[in-house]
């Protein structure tokens, strides 16, 4: 028997109060998974987010293509070099592609750097 899909937030409370954030949930009736363009378009429209002022954090480069095309800044979050991670080759592709604006293995440090600048 299939387990029902439970709506889950795209983001939760932030430890960074000066970084604006918008949250949304997916429900089974409207679930359109990444990287479908309408997923991002719905989110941006629903929350009146200007893509030029938005950032998409993702662990798969291929899911950054559409946000980049929409004008969002894109950040590829990769595993840190201190731990072994088992991934398929396709999951590691795209780091150097033009739709990846930044790459980090330290999301906390990356966000702290934004706050300081």
PDB file of N, CA and C in Angstrom:
ATOM      1  N   UNK A   1       0.831  -1.174   0.000  1.00  0.00           N
ATOM      2  CA  UNK A   1       0.000   0.000   0.000  1.00  0.00           C
ATOM      3  C   UNK A   1       0.880   1.244   0.000  1.00  0.00           C
ATOM      4  N   UNK A   2       0.592   2.183  -0.886  1.00  0.00           N
ATOM      5  CA  UNK A   2       1.384   3.411  -0.987  1.00  0.00           C
ATOM      6  C   UNK A   2       1.109   4.314   0.198  1.00  0.00           C
ATOM      7  N   UNK A   3       2.179   4.920   0.692  1.00  0.00           N
ATOM      8  CA  UNK A   3       2.057   5.879   1.785  1.00  0.00           C
ATOM      9  C   UNK A   3       1.563   7.207   1.251  1.00  0.00           C
ATOM     10  N   UNK A   4       0.620   7.877   1.918  1.00  0.00           N
ATOM     11  CA  UNK A   4       0.158   9.175   1.426  1.00  0.00           C
ATOM     12  C   UNK A   4       1.266  10.218   1.501  1.00  0.00           C
ATOM     13  N   UNK A   5       1.232  11.162   0.595  1.00  0.00           N
ATOM     14  CA  UNK A   5       2.216  12.248   0.588  1.00  0.00           C
ATOM     15  C   UNK A   5       1.769  13.295   1.594  1.00  0.00           C
ATOM     16  N   UNK A   6       2.655  13.627   2.506  1.00  0.00           N
ATOM     17  CA  UNK A   6       2.365  14.647   3.503  1.00  0.00           C
ATOM     18  C   UNK A   6       2.938  15.970   3.026  1.00  0.00           C
ATOM     19  N   UNK A   7       2.119  17.053   3.057  1.00  0.00           N
ATOM     20  CA  UNK A   7       2.676  18.353   2.661  1.00  0.00           C
ATOM     21  C   UNK A   7       3.885  18.680   3.523  1.00  0.00           C
ATOM     22  N   UNK A   8       4.912  19.251   2.907  1.00  0.00           N
ATOM     23  CA  UNK A   8       6.094  19.619   3.669  1.00  0.00           C
ATOM     24  C   UNK A   8       6.574  20.992   3.240  1.00  0.00           C
ATOM     25  N   UNK A   9       7.098  21.752   4.177  1.00  0.00           N
ATOM     26  CA  UNK A   9       7.540  23.106   3.830  1.00  0.00           C
ATOM     27  C   UNK A   9       8.793  23.104   2.965  1.00  0.00           C
ATOM     28  N   UNK A  10       8.890  24.099   2.074  1.00  0.00           N
ATOM     29  CA  UNK A  10      10.101  24.292   1.286  1.00  0.00           C
ATOM     30  C   UNK A  10      11.193  24.883   2.174  1.00  0.00           C
ATOM     31  N   UNK A  11      10.806  25.666   3.170  1.00  0.00           N
ATOM     32  CA  UNK A  11      11.782  26.234   4.097  1.00  0.00           C
ATOM     33  C   UNK A  11      11.132  26.383   5.456  1.00  0.00           C
ATOM     34  N   UNK A  12      11.947  26.498   6.462  1.00  0.00           N
ATOM     35  CA  UNK A  12      11.445  26.632   7.836  1.00  0.00           C
ATOM     36  C   UNK A  12      12.006  27.913   8.426  1.00  0.00           C
ATOM     37  N   UNK A  13      11.737  28.149   9.694  1.00  0.00           N
ATOM     38  CA  UNK A  13      12.228  29.333  10.382  1.00  0.00           C
ATOM     39  C   UNK A  13      13.707  29.545  10.166  1.00  0.00           C
ATOM     40  N   UNK A  14      14.108  30.788  10.145  1.00  0.00           N
ATOM     41  CA  UNK A  14      15.488  31.108   9.818  1.00  0.00           C
ATOM     42  C   UNK A  14      16.233  31.658  11.024  1.00  0.00           C
ATOM     43  N   UNK A  15      17.479  31.274  11.147  1.00  0.00           N
ATOM     44  CA  UNK A  15      18.356  31.856  12.150  1.00  0.00           C
ATOM     45  C   UNK A  15      18.939  33.164  11.623  1.00  0.00           C
ATOM     46  N   UNK A  16      18.533  33.537  10.426  1.00  0.00           N
ATOM     47  CA  UNK A  16      19.049  34.724   9.769  1.00  0.00           C
ATOM     48  C   UNK A  16      17.894  35.706   9.560  1.00  0.00           C
ATOM     49  N   UNK A  17      17.466  36.432  10.605  1.00  0.00           N
ATOM     50  CA  UNK A  17      16.276  37.264  10.505  1.00  0.00           C
ATOM     51  C   UNK A  17      16.386  38.380   9.466  1.00  0.00           C
ATOM     52  N   UNK A  18      17.582  38.804   9.106  1.00  0.00           N
ATOM     53  CA  UNK A  18      17.732  39.882   8.139  1.00  0.00           C
ATOM     54  C   UNK A  18      17.799  39.361   6.707  1.00  0.00           C
ATOM     55  N   UNK A  19      17.704  38.059   6.521  1.00  0.00           N
ATOM     56  CA  UNK A  19      17.633  37.496   5.179  1.00  0.00           C
ATOM     57  C   UNK A  19      16.176  37.148   4.937  1.00  0.00           C
ATOM     58  N   UNK A  20      15.573  37.826   3.975  1.00  0.00           N
ATOM     59  CA  UNK A  20      14.166  37.593   3.682  1.00  0.00           C
ATOM     60  C   UNK A  20      13.961  36.177   3.167  1.00  0.00           C
ATOM     61  N   UNK A  21      12.861  35.561   3.562  1.00  0.00           N
ATOM     62  CA  UNK A  21      12.578  34.215   3.091  1.00  0.00           C
ATOM     63  C   UNK A  21      11.077  34.060   2.878  1.00  0.00           C
ATOM     64  N   UNK A  22      10.723  33.202   1.999  1.00  0.00           N
ATOM     65  CA  UNK A  22       9.325  32.858   1.756  1.00  0.00           C
ATOM     66  C   UNK A  22       9.227  31.345   1.850  1.00  0.00           C
ATOM     67  N   UNK A  23       8.120  30.858   2.348  1.00  0.00           N
ATOM     68  CA  UNK A  23       7.929  29.423   2.492  1.00  0.00           C
ATOM     69  C   UNK A  23       6.669  28.994   1.768  1.00  0.00           C
ATOM     70  N   UNK A  24       6.665  27.762   1.371  1.00  0.00           N
ATOM     71  CA  UNK A  24       5.500  27.206   0.712  1.00  0.00           C
ATOM     72  C   UNK A  24       5.440  25.735   1.037  1.00  0.00           C
ATOM     73  N   UNK A  25       4.300  25.138   0.809  1.00  0.00           N
ATOM     74  CA  UNK A  25       4.180  23.702   0.993  1.00  0.00           C
ATOM     75  C   UNK A  25       3.660  23.089  -0.284  1.00  0.00           C
ATOM     76  N   UNK A  26       3.983  21.834  -0.466  1.00  0.00           N
ATOM     77  CA  UNK A  26       3.462  21.074  -1.596  1.00  0.00           C
ATOM     78  C   UNK A  26       2.371  20.169  -1.062  1.00  0.00           C
ATOM     79  N   UNK A  27       1.279  20.134  -1.736  1.00  0.00           N
ATOM     80  CA  UNK A  27       0.244  19.178  -1.362  1.00  0.00           C
ATOM     81  C   UNK A  27       0.121  18.186  -2.504  1.00  0.00           C
ATOM     82  N   UNK A  28      -0.405  17.012  -2.241  1.00  0.00           N
ATOM     83  CA  UNK A  28      -0.514  16.006  -3.304  1.00  0.00           C
ATOM     84  C   UNK A  28      -1.259  16.513  -4.531  1.00  0.00           C
ATOM     85  N   UNK A  29      -2.215  17.399  -4.333  1.00  0.00           N
ATOM     86  CA  UNK A  29      -3.025  17.880  -5.454  1.00  0.00           C
ATOM     87  C   UNK A  29      -2.255  18.817  -6.371  1.00  0.00           C
ATOM     88  N   UNK A  30      -1.243  19.488  -5.840  1.00  0.00           N
ATOM     89  CA  UNK A  30      -0.516  20.459  -6.664  1.00  0.00           C
ATOM     90  C   UNK A  30       0.961  20.147  -6.810  1.00  0.00           C
ATOM     91  N   UNK A  31       1.372  18.976  -6.405  1.00  0.00           N
ATOM     92  CA  UNK A  31       2.779  18.602  -6.437  1.00  0.00           C
ATOM     93  C   UNK A  31       3.296  18.507  -7.868  1.00  0.00           C
ATOM     94  N   UNK A  32       4.232  19.354  -8.190  1.00  0.00           N
ATOM     95  CA  UNK A  32       4.958  19.315  -9.461  1.00  0.00           C
ATOM     96  C   UNK A  32       6.427  19.414  -9.087  1.00  0.00           C
ATOM     97  N   UNK A  33       7.122  18.308  -9.093  1.00  0.00           N
ATOM     98  CA  UNK A  33       8.488  18.307  -8.570  1.00  0.00           C
ATOM     99  C   UNK A  33       9.473  19.109  -9.420  1.00  0.00           C
ATOM    100  N   UNK A  34      10.550  19.507  -8.742  1.00  0.00           N
ATOM    101  CA  UNK A  34      11.658  20.133  -9.450  1.00  0.00           C
ATOM    102  C   UNK A  34      12.153  19.151 -10.496  1.00  0.00           C
ATOM    103  N   UNK A  35      12.649  19.579 -11.582  1.00  0.00           N
ATOM    104  CA  UNK A  35      12.921  20.941 -12.029  1.00  0.00           C
ATOM    105  C   UNK A  35      11.839  21.526 -12.939  1.00  0.00           C
ATOM    106  N   UNK A  36      10.589  21.129 -12.787  1.00  0.00           N
ATOM    107  CA  UNK A  36       9.510  21.658 -13.632  1.00  0.00           C
ATOM    108  C   UNK A  36       9.413  23.172 -13.481  1.00  0.00           C
ATOM    109  N   UNK A  37       9.463  23.918 -14.586  1.00  0.00           N
ATOM    110  CA  UNK A  37       9.424  25.392 -14.511  1.00  0.00           C
ATOM    111  C   UNK A  37       8.204  25.918 -13.759  1.00  0.00           C
ATOM    112  N   UNK A  38       7.053  25.272 -13.919  1.00  0.00           N
ATOM    113  CA  UNK A  38       5.850  25.776 -13.261  1.00  0.00           C
ATOM    114  C   UNK A  38       5.957  25.699 -11.740  1.00  0.00           C
ATOM    115  N   UNK A  39       6.777  24.826 -11.214  1.00  0.00           N
ATOM    116  CA  UNK A  39       6.986  24.751  -9.770  1.00  0.00           C
ATOM    117  C   UNK A  39       7.554  26.067  -9.252  1.00  0.00           C
ATOM    118  N   UNK A  40       8.586  26.545  -9.898  1.00  0.00           N
ATOM    119  CA  UNK A  40       9.231  27.793  -9.491  1.00  0.00           C
ATOM    120  C   UNK A  40       8.326  28.987  -9.794  1.00  0.00           C
ATOM    121  N   UNK A  41       7.691  28.984 -10.954  1.00  0.00           N
ATOM    122  CA  UNK A  41       6.821  30.094 -11.343  1.00  0.00           C
ATOM    123  C   UNK A  41       5.658  30.241 -10.368  1.00  0.00           C
ATOM    124  N   UNK A  42       5.056  29.129  -9.961  1.00  0.00           N
ATOM    125  CA  UNK A  42       3.958  29.183  -8.989  1.00  0.00           C
ATOM    126  C   UNK A  42       4.434  29.774  -7.662  1.00  0.00           C
ATOM    127  N   UNK A  43       5.579  29.306  -7.200  1.00  0.00           N
ATOM    128  CA  UNK A  43       6.106  29.805  -5.933  1.00  0.00           C
ATOM    129  C   UNK A  43       6.367  31.309  -6.003  1.00  0.00           C
ATOM    130  N   UNK A  44       7.050  31.753  -7.063  1.00  0.00           N
ATOM    131  CA  UNK A  44       7.375  33.174  -7.203  1.00  0.00           C
ATOM    132  C   UNK A  44       6.107  34.022  -7.270  1.00  0.00           C
ATOM    133  N   UNK A  45       5.125  33.566  -8.044  1.00  0.00           N
ATOM    134  CA  UNK A  45       3.878  34.330  -8.183  1.00  0.00           C
ATOM    135  C   UNK A  45       3.082  34.322  -6.878  1.00  0.00           C
ATOM    136  N   UNK A  46       2.954  33.174  -6.266  1.00  0.00           N
ATOM    137  CA  UNK A  46       2.155  33.055  -5.043  1.00  0.00           C
ATOM    138  C   UNK A  46       2.671  33.939  -3.924  1.00  0.00           C
ATOM    139  N   UNK A  47       3.986  34.118  -3.865  1.00  0.00           N
ATOM    140  CA  UNK A  47       4.588  34.879  -2.770  1.00  0.00           C
ATOM    141  C   UNK A  47       5.150  36.228  -3.213  1.00  0.00           C
ATOM    142  N   UNK A  48       4.832  36.631  -4.448  1.00  0.00           N
ATOM    143  CA  UNK A  48       5.281  37.920  -4.983  1.00  0.00           C
ATOM    144  C   UNK A  48       6.785  38.110  -4.797  1.00  0.00           C
ATOM    145  N   UNK A  49       7.543  37.084  -5.162  1.00  0.00           N
ATOM    146  CA  UNK A  49       9.005  37.125  -5.039  1.00  0.00           C
ATOM    147  C   UNK A  49       9.605  37.562  -6.364  1.00  0.00           C
ATOM    148  N   UNK A  50      10.460  38.570  -6.303  1.00  0.00           N
ATOM    149  CA  UNK A  50      11.206  39.016  -7.478  1.00  0.00           C
ATOM    150  C   UNK A  50      12.378  38.048  -7.659  1.00  0.00           C
ATOM    151  N   UNK A  51      12.413  37.295  -8.766  1.00  0.00           N
ATOM    152  CA  UNK A  51      13.501  36.320  -8.946  1.00  0.00           C
ATOM    153  C   UNK A  51      14.891  36.949  -8.887  1.00  0.00           C
ATOM    154  N   UNK A  52      15.006  38.205  -9.255  1.00  0.00           N
ATOM    155  CA  UNK A  52      16.312  38.871  -9.214  1.00  0.00           C
ATOM    156  C   UNK A  52      16.793  39.085  -7.776  1.00  0.00           C
ATOM    157  N   UNK A  53      15.878  38.935  -6.806  1.00  0.00           N
ATOM    158  CA  UNK A  53      16.240  39.098  -5.396  1.00  0.00           C
ATOM    159  C   UNK A  53      16.146  37.777  -4.638  1.00  0.00           C
ATOM    160  N   UNK A  54      16.068  36.677  -5.380  1.00  0.00           N
ATOM    161  CA  UNK A  54      15.895  35.365  -4.763  1.00  0.00           C
ATOM    162  C   UNK A  54      17.108  34.476  -5.012  1.00  0.00           C
ATOM    163  N   UNK A  55      17.290  33.511  -4.130  1.00  0.00           N
ATOM    164  CA  UNK A  55      18.385  32.555  -4.241  1.00  0.00           C
ATOM    165  C   UNK A  55      17.810  31.147  -4.126  1.00  0.00           C
ATOM    166  N   UNK A  56      18.284  30.268  -4.975  1.00  0.00           N
ATOM    167  CA  UNK A  56      17.898  28.859  -4.915  1.00  0.00           C
ATOM    168  C   UNK A  56      19.100  28.051  -4.469  1.00  0.00           C
ATOM    169  N   UNK A  57      18.971  27.355  -3.334  1.00  0.00           N
ATOM    170  CA  UNK A  57      20.004  26.451  -2.832  1.00  0.00           C
ATOM    171  C   UNK A  57      19.587  25.036  -3.194  1.00  0.00           C
ATOM    172  N   UNK A  58      20.505  24.270  -3.756  1.00  0.00           N
ATOM    173  CA  UNK A  58      20.154  22.944  -4.258  1.00  0.00           C
ATOM    174  C   UNK A  58      21.372  22.043  -4.191  1.00  0.00           C
ATOM    175  N   UNK A  59      21.127  20.741  -4.021  1.00  0.00           N
ATOM    176  CA  UNK A  59      22.255  19.807  -3.999  1.00  0.00           C
ATOM    177  C   UNK A  59      22.436  19.059  -5.315  1.00  0.00           C
ATOM    178  N   UNK A  60      21.557  19.308  -6.285  1.00  0.00           N
ATOM    179  CA  UNK A  60      21.718  18.758  -7.631  1.00  0.00           C
ATOM    180  C   UNK A  60      21.773  19.909  -8.629  1.00  0.00           C
ATOM    181  N   UNK A  61      22.871  20.006  -9.347  1.00  0.00           N
ATOM    182  CA  UNK A  61      23.055  21.119 -10.282  1.00  0.00           C
ATOM    183  C   UNK A  61      21.927  21.206 -11.302  1.00  0.00           C
ATOM    184  N   UNK A  62      21.437  20.081 -11.781  1.00  0.00           N
ATOM    185  CA  UNK A  62      20.396  20.111 -12.821  1.00  0.00           C
ATOM    186  C   UNK A  62      19.134  20.821 -12.355  1.00  0.00           C
ATOM    187  N   UNK A  63      18.888  20.861 -11.052  1.00  0.00           N
ATOM    188  CA  UNK A  63      17.719  21.561 -10.530  1.00  0.00           C
ATOM    189  C   UNK A  63      17.931  23.067 -10.433  1.00  0.00           C
ATOM    190  N   UNK A  64      19.099  23.550 -10.831  1.00  0.00           N
ATOM    191  CA  UNK A  64      19.379  24.983 -10.815  1.00  0.00           C
ATOM    192  C   UNK A  64      19.198  25.637 -12.181  1.00  0.00           C
ATOM    193  N   UNK A  65      18.976  24.860 -13.219  1.00  0.00           N
ATOM    194  CA  UNK A  65      18.827  25.404 -14.571  1.00  0.00           C
ATOM    195  C   UNK A  65      17.654  26.381 -14.634  1.00  0.00           C
ATOM    196  N   UNK A  66      16.476  25.941 -14.253  1.00  0.00           N
ATOM    197  CA  UNK A  66      15.274  26.779 -14.352  1.00  0.00           C
ATOM    198  C   UNK A  66      15.370  28.004 -13.448  1.00  0.00           C
ATOM    199  N   UNK A  67      15.757  27.873 -12.168  1.00  0.00           N
ATOM    200  CA  UNK A  67      15.881  29.077 -11.355  1.00  0.00           C
ATOM    201  C   UNK A  67      16.844  30.102 -11.965  1.00  0.00           C
ATOM    202  N   UNK A  68      17.943  29.625 -12.535  1.00  0.00           N
ATOM    203  CA  UNK A  68      18.897  30.537 -13.185  1.00  0.00           C
ATOM    204  C   UNK A  68      18.244  31.235 -14.381  1.00  0.00           C
ATOM    205  N   UNK A  69      17.499  30.470 -15.180  1.00  0.00           N
ATOM    206  CA  UNK A  69      16.810  31.059 -16.340  1.00  0.00           C
ATOM    207  C   UNK A  69      15.770  32.093 -15.914  1.00  0.00           C
ATOM    208  N   UNK A  70      15.189  31.913 -14.736  1.00  0.00           N
ATOM    209  CA  UNK A  70      14.196  32.856 -14.222  1.00  0.00           C
ATOM    210  C   UNK A  70      14.842  34.097 -13.598  1.00  0.00           C
ATOM    211  N   UNK A  71      16.162  34.075 -13.470  1.00  0.00           N
ATOM    212  CA  UNK A  71      16.872  35.240 -12.933  1.00  0.00           C
ATOM    213  C   UNK A  71      17.295  35.116 -11.486  1.00  0.00           C
ATOM    214  N   UNK A  72      17.098  33.945 -10.900  1.00  0.00           N
ATOM    215  CA  UNK A  72      17.504  33.739  -9.514  1.00  0.00           C
ATOM    216  C   UNK A  72      19.008  33.477  -9.439  1.00  0.00           C
ATOM    217  N   UNK A  73      19.614  33.848  -8.321  1.00  0.00           N
ATOM    218  CA  UNK A  73      20.986  33.461  -8.037  1.00  0.00           C
ATOM    219  C   UNK A  73      20.945  32.005  -7.600  1.00  0.00           C
ATOM    220  N   UNK A  74      21.888  31.208  -8.056  1.00  0.00           N
ATOM    221  CA  UNK A  74      21.874  29.787  -7.744  1.00  0.00           C
ATOM    222  C   UNK A  74      23.115  29.384  -6.955  1.00  0.00           C
ATOM    223  N   UNK A  75      22.897  28.514  -5.974  1.00  0.00           N
ATOM    224  CA  UNK A  75      23.985  28.017  -5.138  1.00  0.00           C
ATOM    225  C   UNK A  75      23.892  26.500  -5.081  1.00  0.00           C
ATOM    226  N   UNK A  76      24.947  25.850  -5.538  1.00  0.00           N
ATOM    227  CA  UNK A  76      25.042  24.396  -5.463  1.00  0.00           C
ATOM    228  C   UNK A  76      25.703  24.040  -4.138  1.00  0.00           C
ATOM    229  N   UNK A  77      24.984  23.300  -3.305  1.00  0.00           N
ATOM    230  CA  UNK A  77      25.506  22.877  -2.006  1.00  0.00           C
ATOM    231  C   UNK A  77      25.997  21.445  -2.161  1.00  0.00           C
ATOM    232  N   UNK A  78      27.298  21.267  -1.976  1.00  0.00           N
ATOM    233  CA  UNK A  78      27.931  19.958  -2.165  1.00  0.00           C
ATOM    234  C   UNK A  78      28.376  19.411  -0.812  1.00  0.00           C
ATOM    235  N   UNK A  79      28.543  18.091  -0.712  1.00  0.00           N
ATOM    236  CA  UNK A  79      29.026  17.513   0.549  1.00  0.00           C
ATOM    237  C   UNK A  79      30.422  18.035   0.863  1.00  0.00           C
ATOM    238  N   UNK A  80      30.679  18.215   2.160  1.00  0.00           N
ATOM    239  CA  UNK A  80      32.028  18.681   2.503  1.00  0.00           C
ATOM    240  C   UNK A  80      33.034  17.569   2.250  1.00  0.00           C
ATOM    241  N   UNK A  81      34.259  17.977   2.051  1.00  0.00           N
ATOM    242  CA  UNK A  81      35.308  17.035   1.668  1.00  0.00           C
ATOM    243  C   UNK A  81      35.746  16.094   2.766  1.00  0.00           C
ATOM    244  N   UNK A  82      35.216  16.280   3.989  1.00  0.00           N
ATOM    245  CA  UNK A  82      35.686  15.471   5.109  1.00  0.00           C
ATOM    246  C   UNK A  82      34.898  14.181   5.293  1.00  0.00           C
ATOM    247  N   UNK A  83      33.865  13.988   4.490  1.00  0.00           N
ATOM    248  CA  UNK A  83      33.099  12.745   4.644  1.00  0.00           C
ATOM    249  C   UNK A  83      32.876  12.088   3.294  1.00  0.00           C
ATOM    250  N   UNK A  84      32.816  10.787   3.330  1.00  0.00           N
ATOM    251  CA  UNK A  84      32.596  10.033   2.098  1.00  0.00           C
ATOM    252  C   UNK A  84      31.107  10.026   1.780  1.00  0.00           C
ATOM    253  N   UNK A  85      30.789  10.360   0.557  1.00  0.00           N
ATOM    254  CA  UNK A  85      29.400  10.378   0.120  1.00  0.00           C
ATOM    255  C   UNK A  85      29.290   9.509  -1.120  1.00  0.00           C
ATOM    256  N   UNK A  86      28.334   8.607  -1.102  1.00  0.00           N
ATOM    257  CA  UNK A  86      28.131   7.726  -2.245  1.00  0.00           C
ATOM    258  C   UNK A  86      27.077   8.364  -3.135  1.00  0.00           C
ATOM    259  N   UNK A  87      27.479   8.724  -4.337  1.00  0.00           N
ATOM    260  CA  UNK A  87      26.570   9.338  -5.303  1.00  0.00           C
ATOM    261  C   UNK A  87      26.827   8.757  -6.674  1.00  0.00           C
ATOM    262  N   UNK A  88      25.819   8.842  -7.508  1.00  0.00           N
ATOM    263  CA  UNK A  88      25.944   8.442  -8.905  1.00  0.00           C
ATOM    264  C   UNK A  88      26.669   9.554  -9.667  1.00  0.00           C
ATOM    265  N   UNK A  89      27.308   9.219 -10.776  1.00  0.00           N
ATOM    266  CA  UNK A  89      28.025  10.218 -11.573  1.00  0.00           C
ATOM    267  C   UNK A  89      27.119  11.372 -11.988  1.00  0.00           C
ATOM    268  N   UNK A  90      25.877  11.065 -12.401  1.00  0.00           N
ATOM    269  CA  UNK A  90      24.964  12.127 -12.851  1.00  0.00           C
ATOM    270  C   UNK A  90      24.634  13.115 -11.744  1.00  0.00           C
ATOM    271  N   UNK A  91      24.733  12.687 -10.486  1.00  0.00           N
ATOM    272  CA  UNK A  91      24.448  13.596  -9.371  1.00  0.00           C
ATOM    273  C   UNK A  91      25.579  14.608  -9.169  1.00  0.00           C
ATOM    274  N   UNK A  92      26.747  14.294  -9.678  1.00  0.00           N
ATOM    275  CA  UNK A  92      27.908  15.158  -9.491  1.00  0.00           C
ATOM    276  C   UNK A  92      28.160  16.080 -10.682  1.00  0.00           C
ATOM    277  N   UNK A  93      27.396  15.903 -11.744  1.00  0.00           N
ATOM    278  CA  UNK A  93      27.595  16.710 -12.952  1.00  0.00           C
ATOM    279  C   UNK A  93      27.075  18.131 -12.760  1.00  0.00           C
ATOM    280  N   UNK A  94      27.667  19.060 -13.511  1.00  0.00           N
ATOM    281  CA  UNK A  94      27.134  20.407 -13.596  1.00  0.00           C
ATOM    282  C   UNK A  94      27.777  21.464 -12.732  1.00  0.00           C
ATOM    283  N   UNK A  95      28.708  21.105 -11.884  1.00  0.00           N
ATOM    284  CA  UNK A  95      29.330  22.094 -10.998  1.00  0.00           C
ATOM    285  C   UNK A  95      29.871  23.317 -11.733  1.00  0.00           C
ATOM    286  N   UNK A  96      30.416  23.103 -12.902  1.00  0.00           N
ATOM    287  CA  UNK A  96      31.058  24.191 -13.634  1.00  0.00           C
ATOM    288  C   UNK A  96      30.160  24.782 -14.719  1.00  0.00           C
ATOM    289  N   UNK A  97      28.910  24.380 -14.749  1.00  0.00           N
ATOM    290  CA  UNK A  97      28.000  24.885 -15.780  1.00  0.00           C
ATOM    291  C   UNK A  97      27.592  26.321 -15.486  1.00  0.00           C
ATOM    292  N   UNK A  98      27.234  27.068 -16.524  1.00  0.00           N
ATOM    293  CA  UNK A  98      26.954  28.503 -16.357  1.00  0.00           C
ATOM    294  C   UNK A  98      25.720  28.814 -15.507  1.00  0.00           C
ATOM    295  N   UNK A  99      24.859  27.854 -15.266  1.00  0.00           N
ATOM    296  CA  UNK A  99      23.672  28.107 -14.444  1.00  0.00           C
ATOM    297  C   UNK A  99      23.948  27.933 -12.952  1.00  0.00           C
ATOM    298  N   UNK A 100      25.179  27.571 -12.597  1.00  0.00           N
ATOM    299  CA  UNK A 100      25.585  27.480 -11.191  1.00  0.00           C
ATOM    300  C   UNK A 100      26.406  28.725 -10.873  1.00  0.00           C
ATOM    301  N   UNK A 101      25.813  29.627 -10.075  1.00  0.00           N
ATOM    302  CA  UNK A 101      26.502  30.877  -9.746  1.00  0.00           C
ATOM    303  C   UNK A 101      27.534  30.707  -8.635  1.00  0.00           C
ATOM    304  N   UNK A 102      27.218  29.865  -7.658  1.00  0.00           N
ATOM    305  CA  UNK A 102      28.123  29.644  -6.524  1.00  0.00           C
ATOM    306  C   UNK A 102      28.096  28.161  -6.156  1.00  0.00           C
ATOM    307  N   UNK A 103      29.213  27.676  -5.609  1.00  0.00           N
ATOM    308  CA  UNK A 103      29.300  26.314  -5.092  1.00  0.00           C
ATOM    309  C   UNK A 103      29.857  26.416  -3.682  1.00  0.00           C
ATOM    310  N   UNK A 104      29.223  25.712  -2.744  1.00  0.00           N
ATOM    311  CA  UNK A 104      29.731  25.709  -1.372  1.00  0.00           C
ATOM    312  C   UNK A 104      29.563  24.343  -0.746  1.00  0.00           C
ATOM    313  N   UNK A 105      30.490  24.005   0.130  1.00  0.00           N
ATOM    314  CA  UNK A 105      30.344  22.797   0.934  1.00  0.00           C
ATOM    315  C   UNK A 105      30.128  23.179   2.397  1.00  0.00           C
ATOM    316  N   UNK A 106      29.914  24.481   2.626  1.00  0.00           N
ATOM    317  CA  UNK A 106      29.699  25.002   3.977  1.00  0.00           C
ATOM    318  C   UNK A 106      28.577  26.038   3.912  1.00  0.00           C
ATOM    319  N   UNK A 107      27.342  25.575   3.981  1.00  0.00           N
ATOM    320  CA  UNK A 107      26.203  26.475   3.842  1.00  0.00           C
ATOM    321  C   UNK A 107      26.171  27.523   4.950  1.00  0.00           C
ATOM    322  N   UNK A 108      26.474  27.115   6.169  1.00  0.00           N
ATOM    323  CA  UNK A 108      26.489  28.068   7.281  1.00  0.00           C
ATOM    324  C   UNK A 108      27.510  29.167   7.025  1.00  0.00           C
ATOM    325  N   UNK A 109      28.712  28.780   6.643  1.00  0.00           N
ATOM    326  CA  UNK A 109      29.750  29.767   6.352  1.00  0.00           C
ATOM    327  C   UNK A 109      29.377  30.653   5.179  1.00  0.00           C
ATOM    328  N   UNK A 110      28.755  30.081   4.172  1.00  0.00           N
ATOM    329  CA  UNK A 110      28.314  30.839   3.005  1.00  0.00           C
ATOM    330  C   UNK A 110      27.301  31.911   3.423  1.00  0.00           C
ATOM    331  N   UNK A 111      26.306  31.520   4.232  1.00  0.00           N
ATOM    332  CA  UNK A 111      25.285  32.475   4.686  1.00  0.00           C
ATOM    333  C   UNK A 111      25.884  33.531   5.618  1.00  0.00           C
ATOM    334  N   UNK A 112      26.796  33.122   6.482  1.00  0.00           N
ATOM    335  CA  UNK A 112      27.461  34.098   7.360  1.00  0.00           C
ATOM    336  C   UNK A 112      28.240  35.114   6.542  1.00  0.00           C
ATOM    337  N   UNK A 113      28.857  34.672   5.458  1.00  0.00           N
ATOM    338  CA  UNK A 113      29.575  35.590   4.575  1.00  0.00           C
ATOM    339  C   UNK A 113      28.638  36.608   3.936  1.00  0.00           C
ATOM    340  N   UNK A 114      27.422  36.184   3.607  1.00  0.00           N
ATOM    341  CA  UNK A 114      26.431  37.114   3.045  1.00  0.00           C
ATOM    342  C   UNK A 114      26.017  38.157   4.070  1.00  0.00           C
ATOM    343  N   UNK A 115      25.847  37.726   5.308  1.00  0.00           N
ATOM    344  CA  UNK A 115      25.430  38.634   6.365  1.00  0.00           C
ATOM    345  C   UNK A 115      26.506  39.682   6.618  1.00  0.00           C
ATOM    346  N   UNK A 116      27.772  39.253   6.577  1.00  0.00           N
ATOM    347  CA  UNK A 116      28.884  40.176   6.822  1.00  0.00           C
ATOM    348  C   UNK A 116      29.077  41.180   5.691  1.00  0.00           C
ATOM    349  N   UNK A 117      28.684  40.809   4.466  1.00  0.00           N
ATOM    350  CA  UNK A 117      28.950  41.713   3.344  1.00  0.00           C
ATOM    351  C   UNK A 117      27.840  42.721   3.131  1.00  0.00           C
TER     352      UNK A 117
END
